[in-house]
Amino acid sequence: MNYHNKKFRPVSNTENGETSEETIFHYQQEGNILTCTYSGGQIKVGQLIGLVDSIGNIDMRYHQVNSKGQLMTGICKSTPEILSDGRIRLHEMWQWTSGDQSKGNSVLEEVN
């Protein structure tokens, strides 16, 4: 699976997360290395870097500046699902490595 030039938007997130439907993620991929910039909603700017395995699972680290001016960091594991229309849905389990260190779950879907 290749995520190069794909855009994603959250469709759900746990309450302790900062991303929302207003947040747009723009993925780039070279080989198995994934990078991404994102912004929108509570996120002024964010970046992530990750590794993609042979079936499309992503192991990533992220950092972002929120609307309060705080620098937040975390880790995330994403599992892809192919929707009936061919778009990708990402099921994410994440944890803050800053702030309260809490965990959460989110779902992102590819934007056409």
PDB file of N, CA and C in Angstrom:
ATOM      1  N   MET A   1       0.844  -1.176   0.000  1.00  0.00           N
ATOM      2  CA  MET A   1       0.000   0.000   0.000  1.00  0.00           C
ATOM      3  C   MET A   1       0.889   1.238   0.000  1.00  0.00           C
ATOM      4  N   ASN A   2       0.507   2.213  -0.801  1.00  0.00           N
ATOM      5  CA  ASN A   2       1.297   3.437  -0.879  1.00  0.00           C
ATOM      6  C   ASN A   2       0.401   4.631  -0.568  1.00  0.00           C
ATOM      7  N   TYR A   3       0.864   5.476   0.335  1.00  0.00           N
ATOM      8  CA  TYR A   3       0.095   6.627   0.791  1.00  0.00           C
ATOM      9  C   TYR A   3       0.530   7.930   0.109  1.00  0.00           C
ATOM     10  N   HIS A   4       1.417   7.849  -0.892  1.00  0.00           N
ATOM     11  CA  HIS A   4       1.980   9.049  -1.497  1.00  0.00           C
ATOM     12  C   HIS A   4       0.900   9.961  -2.097  1.00  0.00           C
ATOM     13  N   ASN A   5       0.952  11.233  -1.710  1.00  0.00           N
ATOM     14  CA  ASN A   5       0.030  12.282  -2.182  1.00  0.00           C
ATOM     15  C   ASN A   5      -1.429  12.062  -1.800  1.00  0.00           C
ATOM     16  N   LYS A   6      -1.695  11.232  -0.808  1.00  0.00           N
ATOM     17  CA  LYS A   6      -3.068  11.028  -0.346  1.00  0.00           C
ATOM     18  C   LYS A   6      -3.368  11.999   0.802  1.00  0.00           C
ATOM     19  N   LYS A   7      -4.626  12.435   0.867  1.00  0.00           N
ATOM     20  CA  LYS A   7      -5.072  13.319   1.941  1.00  0.00           C
ATOM     21  C   LYS A   7      -6.108  12.586   2.774  1.00  0.00           C
ATOM     22  N   PHE A   8      -6.052  12.812   4.080  1.00  0.00           N
ATOM     23  CA  PHE A   8      -6.956  12.174   5.027  1.00  0.00           C
ATOM     24  C   PHE A   8      -7.579  13.206   5.948  1.00  0.00           C
ATOM     25  N   ARG A   9      -8.778  12.880   6.448  1.00  0.00           N
ATOM     26  CA  ARG A   9      -9.496  13.734   7.384  1.00  0.00           C
ATOM     27  C   ARG A   9     -10.065  12.835   8.492  1.00  0.00           C
ATOM     28  N   PRO A  10      -9.953  13.256   9.754  1.00  0.00           N
ATOM     29  CA  PRO A  10     -10.545  12.466  10.831  1.00  0.00           C
ATOM     30  C   PRO A  10     -12.070  12.426  10.723  1.00  0.00           C
ATOM     31  N   VAL A  11     -12.640  11.259  10.969  1.00  0.00           N
ATOM     32  CA  VAL A  11     -14.096  11.129  11.053  1.00  0.00           C
ATOM     33  C   VAL A  11     -14.518  10.842  12.491  1.00  0.00           C
ATOM     34  N   SER A  12     -13.560  10.453  13.341  1.00  0.00           N
ATOM     35  CA  SER A  12     -13.836  10.301  14.771  1.00  0.00           C
ATOM     36  C   SER A  12     -12.517  10.377  15.541  1.00  0.00           C
ATOM     37  N   ASN A  13     -12.625  10.792  16.791  1.00  0.00           N
ATOM     38  CA  ASN A  13     -11.462  10.875  17.673  1.00  0.00           C
ATOM     39  C   ASN A  13     -11.967  10.840  19.110  1.00  0.00           C
ATOM     40  N   THR A  14     -11.166  10.308  20.010  1.00  0.00           N
ATOM     41  CA  THR A  14     -11.543  10.331  21.415  1.00  0.00           C
ATOM     42  C   THR A  14     -11.400  11.754  21.946  1.00  0.00           C
ATOM     43  N   GLU A  15     -12.067  12.028  23.051  1.00  0.00           N
ATOM     44  CA  GLU A  15     -12.183  13.388  23.585  1.00  0.00           C
ATOM     45  C   GLU A  15     -10.841  14.028  23.921  1.00  0.00           C
ATOM     46  N   ASN A  16      -9.835  13.236  24.263  1.00  0.00           N
ATOM     47  CA  ASN A  16      -8.521  13.773  24.639  1.00  0.00           C
ATOM     48  C   ASN A  16      -7.638  14.076  23.424  1.00  0.00           C
ATOM     49  N   GLY A  17      -8.146  13.856  22.222  1.00  0.00           N
ATOM     50  CA  GLY A  17      -7.396  14.170  21.006  1.00  0.00           C
ATOM     51  C   GLY A  17      -7.614  15.607  20.569  1.00  0.00           C
ATOM     52  N   GLU A  18      -6.741  16.097  19.690  1.00  0.00           N
ATOM     53  CA  GLU A  18      -6.839  17.477  19.223  1.00  0.00           C
ATOM     54  C   GLU A  18      -7.269  17.593  17.769  1.00  0.00           C
ATOM     55  N   THR A  19      -7.226  16.512  17.009  1.00  0.00           N
ATOM     56  CA  THR A  19      -7.639  16.594  15.609  1.00  0.00           C
ATOM     57  C   THR A  19      -9.160  16.501  15.509  1.00  0.00           C
ATOM     58  N   SER A  20      -9.698  17.043  14.420  1.00  0.00           N
ATOM     59  CA  SER A  20     -11.137  17.039  14.171  1.00  0.00           C
ATOM     60  C   SER A  20     -11.362  16.936  12.667  1.00  0.00           C
ATOM     61  N   GLU A  21     -12.621  16.968  12.258  1.00  0.00           N
ATOM     62  CA  GLU A  21     -12.951  16.901  10.834  1.00  0.00           C
ATOM     63  C   GLU A  21     -12.368  18.076  10.067  1.00  0.00           C
ATOM     64  N   GLU A  22     -11.958  19.133  10.752  1.00  0.00           N
ATOM     65  CA  GLU A  22     -11.355  20.300  10.107  1.00  0.00           C
ATOM     66  C   GLU A  22      -9.864  20.096   9.818  1.00  0.00           C
ATOM     67  N   THR A  23      -9.273  19.047  10.398  1.00  0.00           N
ATOM     68  CA  THR A  23      -7.845  18.778  10.232  1.00  0.00           C
ATOM     69  C   THR A  23      -7.619  17.970   8.954  1.00  0.00           C
ATOM     70  N   ILE A  24      -6.720  18.444   8.109  1.00  0.00           N
ATOM     71  CA  ILE A  24      -6.379  17.722   6.869  1.00  0.00           C
ATOM     72  C   ILE A  24      -4.922  17.267   6.951  1.00  0.00           C
ATOM     73  N   PHE A  25      -4.706  15.975   6.702  1.00  0.00           N
ATOM     74  CA  PHE A  25      -3.382  15.352   6.680  1.00  0.00           C
ATOM     75  C   PHE A  25      -2.979  15.132   5.225  1.00  0.00           C
ATOM     76  N   HIS A  26      -1.778  15.569   4.841  1.00  0.00           N
ATOM     77  CA  HIS A  26      -1.286  15.349   3.477  1.00  0.00           C
ATOM     78  C   HIS A  26      -0.058  14.444   3.553  1.00  0.00           C
ATOM     79  N   TYR A  27      -0.222  13.192   3.123  1.00  0.00           N
ATOM     80  CA  TYR A  27       0.818  12.177   3.234  1.00  0.00           C
ATOM     81  C   TYR A  27       1.737  12.179   2.014  1.00  0.00           C
ATOM     82  N   GLN A  28       3.004  11.902   2.274  1.00  0.00           N
ATOM     83  CA  GLN A  28       4.019  11.677   1.246  1.00  0.00           C
ATOM     84  C   GLN A  28       4.735  10.377   1.616  1.00  0.00           C
ATOM     85  N   GLN A  29       5.117   9.583   0.635  1.00  0.00           N
ATOM     86  CA  GLN A  29       5.803   8.324   0.923  1.00  0.00           C
ATOM     87  C   GLN A  29       6.898   8.064  -0.095  1.00  0.00           C
ATOM     88  N   GLU A  30       8.076   7.703   0.407  1.00  0.00           N
ATOM     89  CA  GLU A  30       9.194   7.232  -0.417  1.00  0.00           C
ATOM     90  C   GLU A  30       9.655   5.907   0.169  1.00  0.00           C
ATOM     91  N   GLY A  31       9.555   4.849  -0.628  1.00  0.00           N
ATOM     92  CA  GLY A  31       9.871   3.528  -0.081  1.00  0.00           C
ATOM     93  C   GLY A  31       8.910   3.235   1.055  1.00  0.00           C
ATOM     94  N   ASN A  32       9.456   2.853   2.213  1.00  0.00           N
ATOM     95  CA  ASN A  32       8.582   2.579   3.358  1.00  0.00           C
ATOM     96  C   ASN A  32       8.546   3.747   4.354  1.00  0.00           C
ATOM     97  N   ILE A  33       9.111   4.911   3.960  1.00  0.00           N
ATOM     98  CA  ILE A  33       9.151   6.070   4.849  1.00  0.00           C
ATOM     99  C   ILE A  33       7.994   7.002   4.514  1.00  0.00           C
ATOM    100  N   LEU A  34       7.187   7.292   5.525  1.00  0.00           N
ATOM    101  CA  LEU A  34       6.020   8.147   5.383  1.00  0.00           C
ATOM    102  C   LEU A  34       6.268   9.466   6.107  1.00  0.00           C
ATOM    103  N   THR A  35       5.943  10.569   5.461  1.00  0.00           N
ATOM    104  CA  THR A  35       5.955  11.875   6.113  1.00  0.00           C
ATOM    105  C   THR A  35       4.606  12.534   5.853  1.00  0.00           C
ATOM    106  N   CYS A  36       4.291  13.524   6.677  1.00  0.00           N
ATOM    107  CA  CYS A  36       3.000  14.165   6.555  1.00  0.00           C
ATOM    108  C   CYS A  36       3.044  15.534   7.226  1.00  0.00           C
ATOM    109  N   THR A  37       2.354  16.485   6.624  1.00  0.00           N
ATOM    110  CA  THR A  37       2.076  17.749   7.285  1.00  0.00           C
ATOM    111  C   THR A  37       0.563  17.836   7.457  1.00  0.00           C
ATOM    112  N   TYR A  38       0.124  18.495   8.527  1.00  0.00           N
ATOM    113  CA  TYR A  38      -1.306  18.609   8.771  1.00  0.00           C
ATOM    114  C   TYR A  38      -1.615  19.883   9.542  1.00  0.00           C
ATOM    115  N   SER A  39      -2.839  20.355   9.374  1.00  0.00           N
ATOM    116  CA  SER A  39      -3.311  21.543  10.081  1.00  0.00           C
ATOM    117  C   SER A  39      -4.826  21.599   9.973  1.00  0.00           C
ATOM    118  N   GLY A  40      -5.414  22.480  10.772  1.00  0.00           N
ATOM    119  CA  GLY A  40      -6.854  22.684  10.749  1.00  0.00           C
ATOM    120  C   GLY A  40      -7.487  22.404  12.091  1.00  0.00           C
ATOM    121  N   GLY A  41      -8.562  23.091  12.377  1.00  0.00           N
ATOM    122  CA  GLY A  41      -9.219  22.944  13.673  1.00  0.00           C
ATOM    123  C   GLY A  41      -8.322  23.475  14.778  1.00  0.00           C
ATOM    124  N   GLN A  42      -8.094  22.660  15.808  1.00  0.00           N
ATOM    125  CA  GLN A  42      -7.238  23.052  16.931  1.00  0.00           C
ATOM    126  C   GLN A  42      -5.749  22.990  16.605  1.00  0.00           C
ATOM    127  N   ILE A  43      -5.388  22.480  15.430  1.00  0.00           N
ATOM    128  CA  ILE A  43      -3.983  22.295  15.073  1.00  0.00           C
ATOM    129  C   ILE A  43      -3.514  23.435  14.175  1.00  0.00           C
ATOM    130  N   LYS A  44      -2.563  24.235  14.670  1.00  0.00           N
ATOM    131  CA  LYS A  44      -1.972  25.281  13.828  1.00  0.00           C
ATOM    132  C   LYS A  44      -1.087  24.641  12.779  1.00  0.00           C
ATOM    133  N   VAL A  45      -0.196  23.742  13.201  1.00  0.00           N
ATOM    134  CA  VAL A  45       0.663  23.010  12.275  1.00  0.00           C
ATOM    135  C   VAL A  45       1.128  21.726  12.957  1.00  0.00           C
ATOM    136  N   GLY A  46       1.218  20.653  12.169  1.00  0.00           N
ATOM    137  CA  GLY A  46       1.697  19.385  12.686  1.00  0.00           C
ATOM    138  C   GLY A  46       2.490  18.649  11.624  1.00  0.00           C
ATOM    139  N   GLN A  47       3.356  17.756  12.090  1.00  0.00           N
ATOM    140  CA  GLN A  47       4.146  16.910  11.199  1.00  0.00           C
ATOM    141  C   GLN A  47       4.217  15.519  11.801  1.00  0.00           C
ATOM    142  N   LEU A  48       4.328  14.538  10.934  1.00  0.00           N
ATOM    143  CA  LEU A  48       4.563  13.182  11.420  1.00  0.00           C
ATOM    144  C   LEU A  48       5.557  12.496  10.515  1.00  0.00           C
ATOM    145  N   ILE A  49       6.193  11.475  11.070  1.00  0.00           N
ATOM    146  CA  ILE A  49       7.100  10.616  10.307  1.00  0.00           C
ATOM    147  C   ILE A  49       6.816   9.191  10.745  1.00  0.00           C
ATOM    148  N   GLY A  50       6.836   8.277   9.785  1.00  0.00           N
ATOM    149  CA  GLY A  50       6.520   6.908  10.135  1.00  0.00           C
ATOM    150  C   GLY A  50       7.108   5.916   9.156  1.00  0.00           C
ATOM    151  N   LEU A  51       6.959   4.663   9.519  1.00  0.00           N
ATOM    152  CA  LEU A  51       7.380   3.539   8.685  1.00  0.00           C
ATOM    153  C   LEU A  51       6.151   2.724   8.321  1.00  0.00           C
ATOM    154  N   VAL A  52       6.062   2.352   7.048  1.00  0.00           N
ATOM    155  CA  VAL A  52       4.943   1.574   6.535  1.00  0.00           C
ATOM    156  C   VAL A  52       5.413   0.148   6.304  1.00  0.00           C
ATOM    157  N   ASP A  53       4.664  -0.835   6.851  1.00  0.00           N
ATOM    158  CA  ASP A  53       5.066  -2.231   6.630  1.00  0.00           C
ATOM    159  C   ASP A  53       4.468  -2.759   5.324  1.00  0.00           C
ATOM    160  N   SER A  54       4.698  -4.034   5.048  1.00  0.00           N
ATOM    161  CA  SER A  54       4.332  -4.620   3.756  1.00  0.00           C
ATOM    162  C   SER A  54       2.817  -4.673   3.517  1.00  0.00           C
ATOM    163  N   ILE A  55       2.005  -4.574   4.569  1.00  0.00           N
ATOM    164  CA  ILE A  55       0.546  -4.605   4.379  1.00  0.00           C
ATOM    165  C   ILE A  55      -0.103  -3.249   4.681  1.00  0.00           C
ATOM    166  N   GLY A  56       0.719  -2.212   4.843  1.00  0.00           N
ATOM    167  CA  GLY A  56       0.184  -0.865   4.979  1.00  0.00           C
ATOM    168  C   GLY A  56       0.022  -0.338   6.380  1.00  0.00           C
ATOM    169  N   ASN A  57       0.378  -1.138   7.393  1.00  0.00           N
ATOM    170  CA  ASN A  57       0.336  -0.632   8.765  1.00  0.00           C
ATOM    171  C   ASN A  57       1.396   0.448   8.931  1.00  0.00           C
ATOM    172  N   ILE A  58       1.080   1.469   9.719  1.00  0.00           N
ATOM    173  CA  ILE A  58       1.999   2.590   9.911  1.00  0.00           C
ATOM    174  C   ILE A  58       2.369   2.695  11.390  1.00  0.00           C
ATOM    175  N   ASP A  59       3.669   2.795  11.656  1.00  0.00           N
ATOM    176  CA  ASP A  59       4.198   3.076  12.995  1.00  0.00           C
ATOM    177  C   ASP A  59       4.767   4.487  12.910  1.00  0.00           C
ATOM    178  N   MET A  60       4.174   5.439  13.639  1.00  0.00           N
ATOM    179  CA  MET A  60       4.561   6.831  13.445  1.00  0.00           C
ATOM    180  C   MET A  60       4.779   7.588  14.747  1.00  0.00           C
ATOM    181  N   ARG A  61       5.454   8.715  14.612  1.00  0.00           N
ATOM    182  CA  ARG A  61       5.645   9.693  15.690  1.00  0.00           C
ATOM    183  C   ARG A  61       5.157  11.028  15.149  1.00  0.00           C
ATOM    184  N   TYR A  62       4.533  11.821  16.016  1.00  0.00           N
ATOM    185  CA  TYR A  62       4.018  13.110  15.551  1.00  0.00           C
ATOM    186  C   TYR A  62       4.323  14.215  16.544  1.00  0.00           C
ATOM    187  N   HIS A  63       4.341  15.437  16.019  1.00  0.00           N
ATOM    188  CA  HIS A  63       4.430  16.626  16.869  1.00  0.00           C
ATOM    189  C   HIS A  63       3.599  17.723  16.223  1.00  0.00           C
ATOM    190  N   GLN A  64       3.005  18.548  17.071  1.00  0.00           N
ATOM    191  CA  GLN A  64       2.096  19.571  16.570  1.00  0.00           C
ATOM    192  C   GLN A  64       2.034  20.746  17.539  1.00  0.00           C
ATOM    193  N   VAL A  65       1.694  21.922  17.002  1.00  0.00           N
ATOM    194  CA  VAL A  65       1.434  23.101  17.817  1.00  0.00           C
ATOM    195  C   VAL A  65      -0.071  23.346  17.745  1.00  0.00           C
ATOM    196  N   ASN A  66      -0.710  23.397  18.922  1.00  0.00           N
ATOM    197  CA  ASN A  66      -2.163  23.567  18.941  1.00  0.00           C
ATOM    198  C   ASN A  66      -2.548  25.046  19.038  1.00  0.00           C
ATOM    199  N   SER A  67      -3.833  25.310  19.032  1.00  0.00           N
ATOM    200  CA  SER A  67      -4.334  26.682  19.035  1.00  0.00           C
ATOM    201  C   SER A  67      -4.010  27.429  20.334  1.00  0.00           C
ATOM    202  N   LYS A  68      -3.622  26.700  21.381  1.00  0.00           N
ATOM    203  CA  LYS A  68      -3.193  27.327  22.641  1.00  0.00           C
ATOM    204  C   LYS A  68      -1.707  27.677  22.608  1.00  0.00           C
ATOM    205  N   GLY A  69      -1.023  27.337  21.510  1.00  0.00           N
ATOM    206  CA  GLY A  69       0.411  27.600  21.397  1.00  0.00           C
ATOM    207  C   GLY A  69       1.275  26.554  22.078  1.00  0.00           C
ATOM    208  N   GLN A  70       0.692  25.395  22.399  1.00  0.00           N
ATOM    209  CA  GLN A  70       1.431  24.315  23.063  1.00  0.00           C
ATOM    210  C   GLN A  70       2.021  23.365  22.029  1.00  0.00           C
ATOM    211  N   LEU A  71       3.242  22.911  22.291  1.00  0.00           N
ATOM    212  CA  LEU A  71       3.879  21.882  21.474  1.00  0.00           C
ATOM    213  C   LEU A  71       3.512  20.529  22.071  1.00  0.00           C
ATOM    214  N   MET A  72       2.836  19.692  21.280  1.00  0.00           N
ATOM    215  CA  MET A  72       2.379  18.385  21.735  1.00  0.00           C
ATOM    216  C   MET A  72       3.046  17.308  20.882  1.00  0.00           C
ATOM    217  N   THR A  73       3.363  16.169  21.507  1.00  0.00           N
ATOM    218  CA  THR A  73       4.026  15.072  20.812  1.00  0.00           C
ATOM    219  C   THR A  73       3.331  13.752  21.134  1.00  0.00           C
ATOM    220  N   GLY A  74       3.496  12.770  20.226  1.00  0.00           N
ATOM    221  CA  GLY A  74       2.883  11.485  20.486  1.00  0.00           C
ATOM    222  C   GLY A  74       3.349  10.399  19.545  1.00  0.00           C
ATOM    223  N   ILE A  75       2.849   9.202  19.808  1.00  0.00           N
ATOM    224  CA  ILE A  75       3.114   8.017  18.995  1.00  0.00           C
ATOM    225  C   ILE A  75       1.772   7.462  18.518  1.00  0.00           C
ATOM    226  N   CYS A  76       1.795   6.787  17.373  1.00  0.00           N
ATOM    227  CA  CYS A  76       0.548   6.276  16.797  1.00  0.00           C
ATOM    228  C   CYS A  76       0.833   5.043  15.953  1.00  0.00           C
ATOM    229  N   LYS A  77      -0.091   4.093  16.005  1.00  0.00           N
ATOM    230  CA  LYS A  77      -0.070   2.937  15.113  1.00  0.00           C
ATOM    231  C   LYS A  77      -1.381   2.950  14.342  1.00  0.00           C
ATOM    232  N   SER A  78      -1.274   2.898  13.004  1.00  0.00           N
ATOM    233  CA  SER A  78      -2.447   2.943  12.132  1.00  0.00           C
ATOM    234  C   SER A  78      -2.581   1.647  11.351  1.00  0.00           C
ATOM    235  N   THR A  79      -3.815   1.166  11.247  1.00  0.00           N
ATOM    236  CA  THR A  79      -4.124  -0.036  10.485  1.00  0.00           C
ATOM    237  C   THR A  79      -5.089   0.349   9.371  1.00  0.00           C
ATOM    238  N   PRO A  80      -4.747   0.038   8.107  1.00  0.00           N
ATOM    239  CA  PRO A  80      -5.612   0.443   7.000  1.00  0.00           C
ATOM    240  C   PRO A  80      -6.770  -0.524   6.767  1.00  0.00           C
ATOM    241  N   GLU A  81      -7.845   0.041   6.237  1.00  0.00           N
ATOM    242  CA  GLU A  81      -9.000  -0.716   5.758  1.00  0.00           C
ATOM    243  C   GLU A  81      -9.360  -0.108   4.405  1.00  0.00           C
ATOM    244  N   ILE A  82      -9.620  -0.950   3.413  1.00  0.00           N
ATOM    245  CA  ILE A  82     -10.037  -0.460   2.101  1.00  0.00           C
ATOM    246  C   ILE A  82     -11.563  -0.436   2.078  1.00  0.00           C
ATOM    247  N   LEU A  83     -12.129   0.748   1.831  1.00  0.00           N
ATOM    248  CA  LEU A  83     -13.580   0.912   1.784  1.00  0.00           C
ATOM    249  C   LEU A  83     -14.129   0.413   0.449  1.00  0.00           C
ATOM    250  N   SER A  84     -15.431   0.227   0.390  1.00  0.00           N
ATOM    251  CA  SER A  84     -16.053  -0.316  -0.824  1.00  0.00           C
ATOM    252  C   SER A  84     -15.838   0.581  -2.043  1.00  0.00           C
ATOM    253  N   ASP A  85     -15.620   1.881  -1.821  1.00  0.00           N
ATOM    254  CA  ASP A  85     -15.381   2.799  -2.942  1.00  0.00           C
ATOM    255  C   ASP A  85     -13.892   2.936  -3.279  1.00  0.00           C
ATOM    256  N   GLY A  86     -13.035   2.130  -2.619  1.00  0.00           N
ATOM    257  CA  GLY A  86     -11.606   2.118  -2.906  1.00  0.00           C
ATOM    258  C   GLY A  86     -10.769   3.061  -2.058  1.00  0.00           C
ATOM    259  N   ARG A  87     -11.435   3.942  -1.303  1.00  0.00           N
ATOM    260  CA  ARG A  87     -10.692   4.844  -0.431  1.00  0.00           C
ATOM    261  C   ARG A  87     -10.137   4.075   0.770  1.00  0.00           C
ATOM    262  N   ILE A  88      -9.153   4.685   1.427  1.00  0.00           N
ATOM    263  CA  ILE A  88      -8.514   4.067   2.591  1.00  0.00           C
ATOM    264  C   ILE A  88      -9.075   4.681   3.864  1.00  0.00           C
ATOM    265  N   ARG A  89      -9.389   3.836   4.830  1.00  0.00           N
ATOM    266  CA  ARG A  89      -9.747   4.260   6.189  1.00  0.00           C
ATOM    267  C   ARG A  89      -8.625   3.789   7.104  1.00  0.00           C
ATOM    268  N   LEU A  90      -8.129   4.684   7.953  1.00  0.00           N
ATOM    269  CA  LEU A  90      -7.070   4.353   8.905  1.00  0.00           C
ATOM    270  C   LEU A  90      -7.640   4.279  10.314  1.00  0.00           C
ATOM    271  N   HIS A  91      -7.441   3.133  10.965  1.00  0.00           N
ATOM    272  CA  HIS A  91      -7.843   2.942  12.364  1.00  0.00           C
ATOM    273  C   HIS A  91      -6.598   3.177  13.215  1.00  0.00           C
ATOM    274  N   GLU A  92      -6.647   4.192  14.085  1.00  0.00           N
ATOM    275  CA  GLU A  92      -5.447   4.614  14.801  1.00  0.00           C
ATOM    276  C   GLU A  92      -5.571   4.430  16.311  1.00  0.00           C
ATOM    277  N   MET A  93      -4.501   3.912  16.886  1.00  0.00           N
ATOM    278  CA  MET A  93      -4.334   3.855  18.342  1.00  0.00           C
ATOM    279  C   MET A  93      -3.134   4.731  18.662  1.00  0.00           C
ATOM    280  N   TRP A  94      -3.330   5.764  19.497  1.00  0.00           N
ATOM    281  CA  TRP A  94      -2.274   6.729  19.741  1.00  0.00           C
ATOM    282  C   TRP A  94      -2.116   7.011  21.230  1.00  0.00           C
ATOM    283  N   GLN A  95      -0.975   7.635  21.544  1.00  0.00           N
ATOM    284  CA  GLN A  95      -0.714   8.037  22.928  1.00  0.00           C
ATOM    285  C   GLN A  95       0.116   9.315  22.918  1.00  0.00           C
ATOM    286  N   TRP A  96      -0.284  10.258  23.761  1.00  0.00           N
ATOM    287  CA  TRP A  96       0.531  11.460  23.938  1.00  0.00           C
ATOM    288  C   TRP A  96       1.831  11.094  24.633  1.00  0.00           C
ATOM    289  N   THR A  97       2.940  11.660  24.177  1.00  0.00           N
ATOM    290  CA  THR A  97       4.215  11.532  24.897  1.00  0.00           C
ATOM    291  C   THR A  97       4.541  12.854  25.582  1.00  0.00           C
ATOM    292  N   SER A  98       3.606  13.774  25.539  1.00  0.00           N
ATOM    293  CA  SER A  98       3.679  15.043  26.263  1.00  0.00           C
ATOM    294  C   SER A  98       2.360  15.196  27.020  1.00  0.00           C
ATOM    295  N   GLY A  99       2.264  16.244  27.822  1.00  0.00           N
ATOM    296  CA  GLY A  99       1.012  16.480  28.545  1.00  0.00           C
ATOM    297  C   GLY A  99       0.687  15.344  29.488  1.00  0.00           C
ATOM    298  N   ASP A 100      -0.546  14.855  29.424  1.00  0.00           N
ATOM    299  CA  ASP A 100      -1.004  13.846  30.400  1.00  0.00           C
ATOM    300  C   ASP A 100      -0.677  12.410  30.017  1.00  0.00           C
ATOM    301  N   GLN A 101      -0.001  12.200  28.877  1.00  0.00           N
ATOM    302  CA  GLN A 101       0.411  10.858  28.433  1.00  0.00           C
ATOM    303  C   GLN A 101      -0.778   9.922  28.171  1.00  0.00           C
ATOM    304  N   SER A 102      -1.974  10.474  28.002  1.00  0.00           N
ATOM    305  CA  SER A 102      -3.158   9.642  27.813  1.00  0.00           C
ATOM    306  C   SER A 102      -3.169   8.993  26.427  1.00  0.00           C
ATOM    307  N   LYS A 103      -4.006   7.967  26.308  1.00  0.00           N
ATOM    308  CA  LYS A 103      -4.158   7.218  25.067  1.00  0.00           C
ATOM    309  C   LYS A 103      -5.496   7.536  24.426  1.00  0.00           C
ATOM    310  N   GLY A 104      -5.597   7.247  23.113  1.00  0.00           N
ATOM    311  CA  GLY A 104      -6.854   7.466  22.424  1.00  0.00           C
ATOM    312  C   GLY A 104      -6.931   6.678  21.132  1.00  0.00           C
ATOM    313  N   ASN A 105      -8.067   6.799  20.478  1.00  0.00           N
ATOM    314  CA  ASN A 105      -8.328   6.135  19.206  1.00  0.00           C
ATOM    315  C   ASN A 105      -8.952   7.141  18.251  1.00  0.00           C
ATOM    316  N   SER A 106      -8.571   7.040  16.993  1.00  0.00           N
ATOM    317  CA  SER A 106      -9.179   7.889  15.976  1.00  0.00           C
ATOM    318  C   SER A 106      -9.332   7.099  14.687  1.00  0.00           C
ATOM    319  N   VAL A 107     -10.194   7.611  13.824  1.00  0.00           N
ATOM    320  CA  VAL A 107     -10.395   7.029  12.504  1.00  0.00           C
ATOM    321  C   VAL A 107     -10.253   8.156  11.491  1.00  0.00           C
ATOM    322  N   LEU A 108      -9.410   7.930  10.483  1.00  0.00           N
ATOM    323  CA  LEU A 108      -9.220   8.883   9.390  1.00  0.00           C
ATOM    324  C   LEU A 108      -9.692   8.243   8.095  1.00  0.00           C
ATOM    325  N   GLU A 109     -10.261   9.046   7.208  1.00  0.00           N
ATOM    326  CA  GLU A 109     -10.647   8.538   5.903  1.00  0.00           C
ATOM    327  C   GLU A 109     -10.027   9.380   4.807  1.00  0.00           C
ATOM    328  N   GLU A 110      -9.674   8.702   3.720  1.00  0.00           N
ATOM    329  CA  GLU A 110      -9.088   9.379   2.575  1.00  0.00           C
ATOM    330  C   GLU A 110     -10.082  10.352   1.972  1.00  0.00           C
ATOM    331  N   VAL A 111      -9.588  11.530   1.608  1.00  0.00           N
ATOM    332  CA  VAL A 111     -10.377  12.567   0.975  1.00  0.00           C
ATOM    333  C   VAL A 111     -10.102  12.510  -0.523  1.00  0.00           C
ATOM    334  N   ASN A 112     -11.144  12.451  -1.339  1.00  0.00           N
ATOM    335  CA  ASN A 112     -10.965  12.410  -2.796  1.00  0.00           C
ATOM    336  C   ASN A 112     -10.620  13.774  -3.356  1.00  0.00           C
TER     337      ASN A 112
END
